[in-house]
C-alpha atoms as a PDB file:
ATOM      1  CA  UNK A   1       2.043 -55.877-126.558  1.00  0.00           C
ATOM      2  CA  UNK A   2       0.416 -55.099-123.230  1.00  0.00           C
ATOM      3  CA  UNK A   3      -3.292 -54.375-123.038  1.00  0.00           C
ATOM      4  CA  UNK A   4      -3.691 -51.202-121.033  1.00  0.00           C
ATOM      5  CA  UNK A   5      -7.500 -51.134-121.172  1.00  0.00           C
ATOM      6  CA  UNK A   6      -7.837 -52.024-117.482  1.00  0.00           C
ATOM      7  CA  UNK A   7      -5.479 -49.206-116.475  1.00  0.00           C
ATOM      8  CA  UNK A   8      -7.236 -46.794-118.835  1.00  0.00           C
ATOM      9  CA  UNK A   9     -10.626 -47.755-117.381  1.00  0.00           C
ATOM     10  CA  UNK A  10      -9.335 -47.267-113.848  1.00  0.00           C
ATOM     11  CA  UNK A  11      -7.873 -43.877-114.810  1.00  0.00           C
ATOM     12  CA  UNK A  12     -11.176 -42.840-116.396  1.00  0.00           C
ATOM     13  CA  UNK A  13     -13.001 -43.778-113.173  1.00  0.00           C
ATOM     14  CA  UNK A  14     -10.523 -41.773-111.084  1.00  0.00           C
ATOM     15  CA  UNK A  15     -11.038 -38.738-113.309  1.00  0.00           C
ATOM     16  CA  UNK A  16     -14.823 -39.071-113.194  1.00  0.00           C
ATOM     17  CA  UNK A  17     -15.135 -39.809-109.468  1.00  0.00           C
ATOM     18  CA  UNK A  18     -12.228 -37.934-107.873  1.00  0.00           C
ATOM     19  CA  UNK A  19     -10.049 -35.717-110.047  1.00  0.00           C
ATOM     20  CA  UNK A  20     -12.820 -33.532-111.442  1.00  0.00           C
ATOM     21  CA  UNK A  21     -13.945 -32.753-107.878  1.00  0.00           C
ATOM     22  CA  UNK A  22     -10.504 -31.941-106.481  1.00  0.00           C
ATOM     23  CA  UNK A  23     -10.045 -28.523-104.927  1.00  0.00           C
ATOM     24  CA  UNK A  24      -6.396 -27.619-104.887  1.00  0.00           C
ATOM     25  CA  UNK A  25      -4.504 -25.263-102.643  1.00  0.00           C
ATOM     26  CA  UNK A  26      -6.576 -25.574 -99.502  1.00  0.00           C
ATOM     27  CA  UNK A  27      -5.255 -22.835 -97.221  1.00  0.00           C
ATOM     28  CA  UNK A  28      -6.245 -22.695 -93.550  1.00  0.00           C
ATOM     29  CA  UNK A  29      -4.157 -19.993 -91.877  1.00  0.00           C
ATOM     30  CA  UNK A  30      -5.009 -19.903 -88.139  1.00  0.00           C
ATOM     31  CA  UNK A  31      -3.982 -16.246 -87.806  1.00  0.00           C
ATOM     32  CA  UNK A  32      -6.357 -15.265 -90.610  1.00  0.00           C
ATOM     33  CA  UNK A  33      -9.146 -17.431 -89.197  1.00  0.00           C
ATOM     34  CA  UNK A  34      -8.794 -15.781 -85.778  1.00  0.00           C
ATOM     35  CA  UNK A  35      -9.013 -12.225 -87.142  1.00  0.00           C
ATOM     36  CA  UNK A  36     -11.688 -10.257 -85.340  1.00  0.00           C
ATOM     37  CA  UNK A  37     -11.582  -6.715 -86.698  1.00  0.00           C
ATOM     38  CA  UNK A  38     -14.344  -7.127 -89.277  1.00  0.00           C
ATOM     39  CA  UNK A  39     -16.046  -4.078 -90.786  1.00  0.00           C
ATOM     40  CA  UNK A  40     -19.375  -5.537 -89.620  1.00  0.00           C
ATOM     41  CA  UNK A  41     -18.576  -7.394 -86.387  1.00  0.00           C
ATOM     42  CA  UNK A  42     -21.806  -9.402 -86.126  1.00  0.00           C
ATOM     43  CA  UNK A  43     -23.557 -11.096 -89.019  1.00  0.00           C
ATOM     44  CA  UNK A  44     -26.780 -13.112 -89.020  1.00  0.00           C
ATOM     45  CA  UNK A  45     -25.853 -15.951 -91.393  1.00  0.00           C
ATOM     46  CA  UNK A  46     -28.626 -18.009 -92.977  1.00  0.00           C
ATOM     47  CA  UNK A  47     -28.378 -20.873 -95.437  1.00  0.00           C
ATOM     48  CA  UNK A  48     -30.504 -22.333 -98.183  1.00  0.00           C
ATOM     49  CA  UNK A  49     -29.930 -25.238-100.478  1.00  0.00           C
ATOM     50  CA  UNK A  50     -28.759 -23.997-103.873  1.00  0.00           C
ATOM     51  CA  UNK A  51     -31.537 -23.829-106.448  1.00  0.00           C
ATOM     52  CA  UNK A  52     -34.731 -21.910-107.082  1.00  0.00           C
ATOM     53  CA  UNK A  53     -36.897 -23.699-104.490  1.00  0.00           C
ATOM     54  CA  UNK A  54     -35.911 -21.580-101.470  1.00  0.00           C
ATOM     55  CA  UNK A  55     -35.312 -18.243-103.187  1.00  0.00           C
ATOM     56  CA  UNK A  56     -38.120 -16.616-101.171  1.00  0.00           C
ATOM     57  CA  UNK A  57     -35.921 -16.973 -98.067  1.00  0.00           C
ATOM     58  CA  UNK A  58     -33.290 -14.669 -99.584  1.00  0.00           C
ATOM     59  CA  UNK A  59     -34.092 -11.007 -98.844  1.00  0.00           C
ATOM     60  CA  UNK A  60     -35.170  -8.986-101.861  1.00  0.00           C
ATOM     61  CA  UNK A  61     -34.756  -5.649-100.094  1.00  0.00           C
ATOM     62  CA  UNK A  62     -31.350  -5.998 -98.413  1.00  0.00           C
ATOM     63  CA  UNK A  63     -27.736  -5.887 -99.526  1.00  0.00           C
ATOM     64  CA  UNK A  64     -25.276  -8.243 -97.890  1.00  0.00           C
ATOM     65  CA  UNK A  65     -22.508 -10.766 -98.037  1.00  0.00           C
ATOM     66  CA  UNK A  66     -22.853 -14.338 -99.243  1.00  0.00           C
ATOM     67  CA  UNK A  67     -20.907 -17.540 -99.681  1.00  0.00           C
ATOM     68  CA  UNK A  68     -21.188 -20.762-101.596  1.00  0.00           C
ATOM     69  CA  UNK A  69     -20.364 -23.783 -99.485  1.00  0.00           C
ATOM     70  CA  UNK A  70     -20.345 -27.514 -99.913  1.00  0.00           C
ATOM     71  CA  UNK A  71     -22.302 -28.556 -96.876  1.00  0.00           C
ATOM     72  CA  UNK A  72     -24.572 -31.482 -96.129  1.00  0.00           C
ATOM     73  CA  UNK A  73     -26.685 -31.759 -93.017  1.00  0.00           C
ATOM     74  CA  UNK A  74     -26.511 -35.378 -92.014  1.00  0.00           C
ATOM     75  CA  UNK A  75     -27.206 -37.444 -88.941  1.00  0.00           C
ATOM     76  CA  UNK A  76     -24.281 -39.740 -89.823  1.00  0.00           C
ATOM     77  CA  UNK A  77     -21.611 -37.285 -90.971  1.00  0.00           C
ATOM     78  CA  UNK A  78     -19.922 -34.941 -88.510  1.00  0.00           C
ATOM     79  CA  UNK A  79     -20.799 -31.250 -88.908  1.00  0.00           C
ATOM     80  CA  UNK A  80     -18.738 -29.930 -91.784  1.00  0.00           C
ATOM     81  CA  UNK A  81     -18.627 -27.419 -94.573  1.00  0.00           C
ATOM     82  CA  UNK A  82     -16.249 -25.981 -97.092  1.00  0.00           C
ATOM     83  CA  UNK A  83     -16.526 -22.378 -98.263  1.00  0.00           C
ATOM     84  CA  UNK A  84     -15.765 -22.181-101.990  1.00  0.00           C
ATOM     85  CA  UNK A  85     -16.564 -18.538-102.719  1.00  0.00           C
ATOM     86  CA  UNK A  86     -17.507 -15.304-100.941  1.00  0.00           C
ATOM     87  CA  UNK A  87     -19.120 -12.285-102.581  1.00  0.00           C
ATOM     88  CA  UNK A  88     -21.327  -9.298-101.873  1.00  0.00           C
ATOM     89  CA  UNK A  89     -24.634  -7.990-103.138  1.00  0.00           C
ATOM     90  CA  UNK A  90     -24.826  -4.222-103.374  1.00  0.00           C
ATOM     91  CA  UNK A  91     -21.433  -3.201-104.681  1.00  0.00           C
ATOM     92  CA  UNK A  92     -21.999   0.473-105.490  1.00  0.00           C
ATOM     93  CA  UNK A  93     -25.726  -0.178-105.773  1.00  0.00           C
ATOM     94  CA  UNK A  94     -28.822  -1.151-103.823  1.00  0.00           C
ATOM     95  CA  UNK A  95     -28.881  -4.551-105.515  1.00  0.00           C
ATOM     96  CA  UNK A  96     -30.393  -7.077-103.131  1.00  0.00           C
ATOM     97  CA  UNK A  97     -29.121 -10.462-102.071  1.00  0.00           C
ATOM     98  CA  UNK A  98     -32.002 -12.074-103.965  1.00  0.00           C
ATOM     99  CA  UNK A  99     -31.189 -10.233-107.179  1.00  0.00           C
ATOM    100  CA  UNK A 100     -27.553 -11.343-106.885  1.00  0.00           C
ATOM    101  CA  UNK A 101     -28.599 -14.919-106.117  1.00  0.00           C
ATOM    102  CA  UNK A 102     -30.822 -14.961-109.209  1.00  0.00           C
ATOM    103  CA  UNK A 103     -27.702 -14.333-111.314  1.00  0.00           C
ATOM    104  CA  UNK A 104     -26.358 -17.675-110.104  1.00  0.00           C
ATOM    105  CA  UNK A 105     -29.580 -19.423-111.120  1.00  0.00           C
ATOM    106  CA  UNK A 106     -29.051 -18.353-114.747  1.00  0.00           C
ATOM    107  CA  UNK A 107     -26.879 -20.834-116.671  1.00  0.00           C
ATOM    108  CA  UNK A 108     -26.205 -18.146-119.292  1.00  0.00           C
ATOM    109  CA  UNK A 109     -24.665 -15.846-116.656  1.00  0.00           C
ATOM    110  CA  UNK A 110     -22.878 -18.617-114.762  1.00  0.00           C
ATOM    111  CA  UNK A 111     -21.108 -19.993-117.830  1.00  0.00           C
ATOM    112  CA  UNK A 112     -19.351 -16.626-118.275  1.00  0.00           C
ATOM    113  CA  UNK A 113     -17.513 -17.166-114.975  1.00  0.00           C
ATOM    114  CA  UNK A 114     -15.410 -20.326-115.206  1.00  0.00           C
ATOM    115  CA  UNK A 115     -14.766 -20.828-111.499  1.00  0.00           C
ATOM    116  CA  UNK A 116     -18.385 -20.296-110.520  1.00  0.00           C
ATOM    117  CA  UNK A 117     -19.479 -22.592-113.351  1.00  0.00           C
ATOM    118  CA  UNK A 118     -17.229 -25.284-111.871  1.00  0.00           C
ATOM    119  CA  UNK A 119     -18.593 -24.699-108.365  1.00  0.00           C
ATOM    120  CA  UNK A 120     -22.204 -24.975-109.501  1.00  0.00           C
ATOM    121  CA  UNK A 121     -21.540 -27.688-112.083  1.00  0.00           C
ATOM    122  CA  UNK A 122     -19.621 -29.982-109.738  1.00  0.00           C
ATOM    123  CA  UNK A 123     -21.324 -29.479-106.386  1.00  0.00           C
ATOM    124  CA  UNK A 124     -24.840 -28.228-107.190  1.00  0.00           C
ATOM    125  CA  UNK A 125     -26.540 -31.123-105.365  1.00  0.00           C
ATOM    126  CA  UNK A 126     -24.621 -30.424-102.123  1.00  0.00           C
ATOM    127  CA  UNK A 127     -24.188 -26.663-102.520  1.00  0.00           C
ATOM    128  CA  UNK A 128     -25.603 -24.136-100.102  1.00  0.00           C
ATOM    129  CA  UNK A 129     -26.027 -20.416-100.552  1.00  0.00           C
ATOM    130  CA  UNK A 130     -25.181 -18.861 -97.212  1.00  0.00           C
ATOM    131  CA  UNK A 131     -25.971 -15.192 -96.763  1.00  0.00           C
ATOM    132  CA  UNK A 132     -25.986 -12.419 -94.194  1.00  0.00           C
ATOM    133  CA  UNK A 133     -28.057  -9.299 -94.823  1.00  0.00           C
ATOM    134  CA  UNK A 134     -26.562  -6.004 -93.688  1.00  0.00           C
ATOM    135  CA  UNK A 135     -28.200  -2.838 -92.439  1.00  0.00           C
ATOM    136  CA  UNK A 136     -28.699   0.086 -94.780  1.00  0.00           C
ATOM    137  CA  UNK A 137     -26.386   2.072 -92.502  1.00  0.00           C
ATOM    138  CA  UNK A 138     -23.393  -0.010 -93.677  1.00  0.00           C
ATOM    139  CA  UNK A 139     -21.620   1.900 -96.435  1.00  0.00           C
ATOM    140  CA  UNK A 140     -20.559   0.321 -99.723  1.00  0.00           C
ATOM    141  CA  UNK A 141     -16.968   0.934 -98.648  1.00  0.00           C
ATOM    142  CA  UNK A 142     -17.507  -1.051 -95.423  1.00  0.00           C
ATOM    143  CA  UNK A 143     -19.346  -3.801 -97.317  1.00  0.00           C
ATOM    144  CA  UNK A 144     -16.420  -4.128 -99.724  1.00  0.00           C
ATOM    145  CA  UNK A 145     -13.998  -4.096 -96.791  1.00  0.00           C
ATOM    146  CA  UNK A 146     -16.010  -6.873 -95.128  1.00  0.00           C
ATOM    147  CA  UNK A 147     -15.834  -8.937 -98.313  1.00  0.00           C
ATOM    148  CA  UNK A 148     -12.039  -8.526 -98.422  1.00  0.00           C
ATOM    149  CA  UNK A 149     -11.754  -9.414 -94.739  1.00  0.00           C
ATOM    150  CA  UNK A 150     -13.870 -12.568 -95.058  1.00  0.00           C
ATOM    151  CA  UNK A 151     -11.989 -13.682 -98.174  1.00  0.00           C
ATOM    152  CA  UNK A 152      -8.691 -13.001 -96.418  1.00  0.00           C
ATOM    153  CA  UNK A 153      -9.782 -14.989 -93.360  1.00  0.00           C
ATOM    154  CA  UNK A 154     -11.085 -18.014 -95.269  1.00  0.00           C
ATOM    155  CA  UNK A 155      -9.159 -17.829 -98.574  1.00  0.00           C
ATOM    156  CA  UNK A 156     -11.867 -19.653-100.564  1.00  0.00           C
ATOM    157  CA  UNK A 157     -10.459 -21.427-103.617  1.00  0.00           C
ATOM    158  CA  UNK A 158     -12.792 -19.712-106.096  1.00  0.00           C
ATOM    159  CA  UNK A 159     -12.475 -16.187-104.699  1.00  0.00           C
ATOM    160  CA  UNK A 160      -9.638 -14.640-106.621  1.00  0.00           C
ATOM    161  CA  UNK A 161      -9.641 -10.866-106.309  1.00  0.00           C
ATOM    162  CA  UNK A 162     -11.520  -9.621-103.278  1.00  0.00           C
ATOM    163  CA  UNK A 163      -8.939 -10.169-100.539  1.00  0.00           C
ATOM    164  CA  UNK A 164      -6.052  -8.169 -99.115  1.00  0.00           C
ATOM    165  CA  UNK A 165      -3.684  -7.280-101.948  1.00  0.00           C
ATOM    166  CA  UNK A 166      -0.655  -8.600-100.061  1.00  0.00           C
ATOM    167  CA  UNK A 167      -2.305 -11.991 -99.515  1.00  0.00           C
ATOM    168  CA  UNK A 168      -3.537 -12.095-103.132  1.00  0.00           C
ATOM    169  CA  UNK A 169       0.029 -11.561-104.385  1.00  0.00           C
ATOM    170  CA  UNK A 170       1.432 -14.241-102.068  1.00  0.00           C
ATOM    171  CA  UNK A 171      -1.298 -16.687-103.037  1.00  0.00           C
ATOM    172  CA  UNK A 172      -0.568 -16.121-106.724  1.00  0.00           C
ATOM    173  CA  UNK A 173       3.125 -16.753-106.105  1.00  0.00           C
ATOM    174  CA  UNK A 174       2.376 -19.998-104.277  1.00  0.00           C
END
């Protein structure tokens, strides 16, 4: 009888170090990335490291769009980043970016959303919350359209609904 312990140990290491962090179905469509007809054509993106320490930098009086990204500023690594999710603060409300961000700091709320729980659980130490406040003059309809447009352009792996319906159907079929 063969002793498979060495293979089992190797497999366990692969699952712990690689498989649990795999993001499948990376989609980088150049045509989508080059789209330029956004509902809000210019956004002032800012980033903070995920966690409660920098929450004061997130506006508490502005709606906006946000993303979660795996991104590490390093003097050795080339500039890089990977958008995992895009959402909005202020869907049919005046809810601020900070109020929305606070939801993601609550384990009780995060655990109810499997994909977001995986994002925060797996990449918390290298996760950034990137946000762009919008003017009050931007309607909820335009904010929602912007969210769809950004999700359609980037196709983040953990954004499932808020993209063009045609693309969502094709992605589900793939």
